[in-house]
Amino acid sequence: MKNDKVIGVLLLVLAISTIVGMVIENATFWLIYNYITIVLSVIIGISLLKQK
C-alpha cells in the first residue's frame, strides 16, 4: 500500500509540473522536466516489478 501512495503523489507532482510548464513555456524547464520524468519512470517501474 505504501508504494501506491508514493506513486500517486509522484503522478500528482508530474501533473502539476506539466501545468506549470505549460504556463512558463521555458525550454530549460522542459529539458529538466524530461530528465526527471525519465528517472521517476525507471524508479516507479522497478518498484512495481518488485511488488508481490
C-alpha atoms as a PDB file:
ATOM      1  CA  MET A   1       0.000   0.000   0.000  1.00  0.00           C
ATOM      2  CA  LYS A   2       2.907   2.343   0.694  1.00  0.00           C
ATOM      3  CA  ASN A   3       4.138   2.101  -2.918  1.00  0.00           C
ATOM      4  CA  ASP A   4       0.666   3.017  -4.177  1.00  0.00           C
ATOM      5  CA  LYS A   5       0.666   6.246  -2.171  1.00  0.00           C
ATOM      6  CA  VAL A   6       4.170   7.171  -3.312  1.00  0.00           C
ATOM      7  CA  ILE A   7       3.282   6.534  -6.953  1.00  0.00           C
ATOM      8  CA  GLY A   8       0.082   8.556  -6.591  1.00  0.00           C
ATOM      9  CA  VAL A   9       1.944  11.507  -5.102  1.00  0.00           C
ATOM     10  CA  LEU A  10       4.603  11.382  -7.813  1.00  0.00           C
ATOM     11  CA  LEU A  11       1.966  11.319 -10.553  1.00  0.00           C
ATOM     12  CA  LEU A  12       0.224  14.280  -8.941  1.00  0.00           C
ATOM     13  CA  VAL A  13       3.522  16.190  -8.813  1.00  0.00           C
ATOM     14  CA  LEU A  14       4.154  15.414 -12.501  1.00  0.00           C
ATOM     15  CA  ALA A  15       0.671  16.625 -13.439  1.00  0.00           C
ATOM     16  CA  ILE A  16       1.125  19.892 -11.542  1.00  0.00           C
ATOM     17  CA  SER A  17       4.612  20.350 -13.030  1.00  0.00           C
ATOM     18  CA  THR A  18       3.170  19.873 -16.512  1.00  0.00           C
ATOM     19  CA  ILE A  19       0.595  22.600 -15.918  1.00  0.00           C
ATOM     20  CA  VAL A  20       3.287  24.946 -14.560  1.00  0.00           C
ATOM     21  CA  GLY A  21       5.479  24.206 -17.582  1.00  0.00           C
ATOM     22  CA  MET A  22       2.636  24.988 -19.961  1.00  0.00           C
ATOM     23  CA  VAL A  23       2.260  28.388 -18.308  1.00  0.00           C
ATOM     24  CA  ILE A  24       6.004  29.140 -18.158  1.00  0.00           C
ATOM     25  CA  GLU A  25       6.858  27.860 -21.678  1.00  0.00           C
ATOM     26  CA  ASN A  26      10.598  27.684 -20.967  1.00  0.00           C
ATOM     27  CA  ALA A  27      12.894  25.289 -22.869  1.00  0.00           C
ATOM     28  CA  THR A  28      15.191  24.769 -19.869  1.00  0.00           C
ATOM     29  CA  PHE A  29      12.232  23.808 -17.681  1.00  0.00           C
ATOM     30  CA  TRP A  30      11.137  21.181 -20.208  1.00  0.00           C
ATOM     31  CA  LEU A  31      14.663  19.781 -20.500  1.00  0.00           C
ATOM     32  CA  ILE A  32      14.883  19.293 -16.726  1.00  0.00           C
ATOM     33  CA  TYR A  33      11.288  18.027 -16.620  1.00  0.00           C
ATOM     34  CA  ASN A  34      12.036  15.372 -19.260  1.00  0.00           C
ATOM     35  CA  TYR A  35      15.053  14.049 -17.373  1.00  0.00           C
ATOM     36  CA  ILE A  36      13.131  13.956 -14.083  1.00  0.00           C
ATOM     37  CA  THR A  37      10.255  12.156 -15.788  1.00  0.00           C
ATOM     38  CA  ILE A  38      12.608   9.507 -17.188  1.00  0.00           C
ATOM     39  CA  VAL A  39      14.268   8.932 -13.802  1.00  0.00           C
ATOM     40  CA  LEU A  40      10.920   8.722 -11.986  1.00  0.00           C
ATOM     41  CA  SER A  41       9.554   6.338 -14.592  1.00  0.00           C
ATOM     42  CA  VAL A  42      12.502   3.991 -14.105  1.00  0.00           C
ATOM     43  CA  ILE A  43      12.219   4.125 -10.305  1.00  0.00           C
ATOM     44  CA  ILE A  44       8.449   3.577 -10.353  1.00  0.00           C
ATOM     45  CA  GLY A  45       8.785   0.757 -12.884  1.00  0.00           C
ATOM     46  CA  ILE A  46      11.353  -1.036 -10.751  1.00  0.00           C
ATOM     47  CA  SER A  47       9.242  -0.628  -7.610  1.00  0.00           C
ATOM     48  CA  LEU A  48       6.183  -2.011  -9.408  1.00  0.00           C
ATOM     49  CA  LEU A  49       8.118  -5.001 -10.692  1.00  0.00           C
ATOM     50  CA  LYS A  50       9.409  -5.767  -7.187  1.00  0.00           C
ATOM     51  CA  GLN A  51       5.890  -5.761  -5.705  1.00  0.00           C
ATOM     52  CA  LYS A  52       4.394  -9.151  -4.961  1.00  0.00           C
END
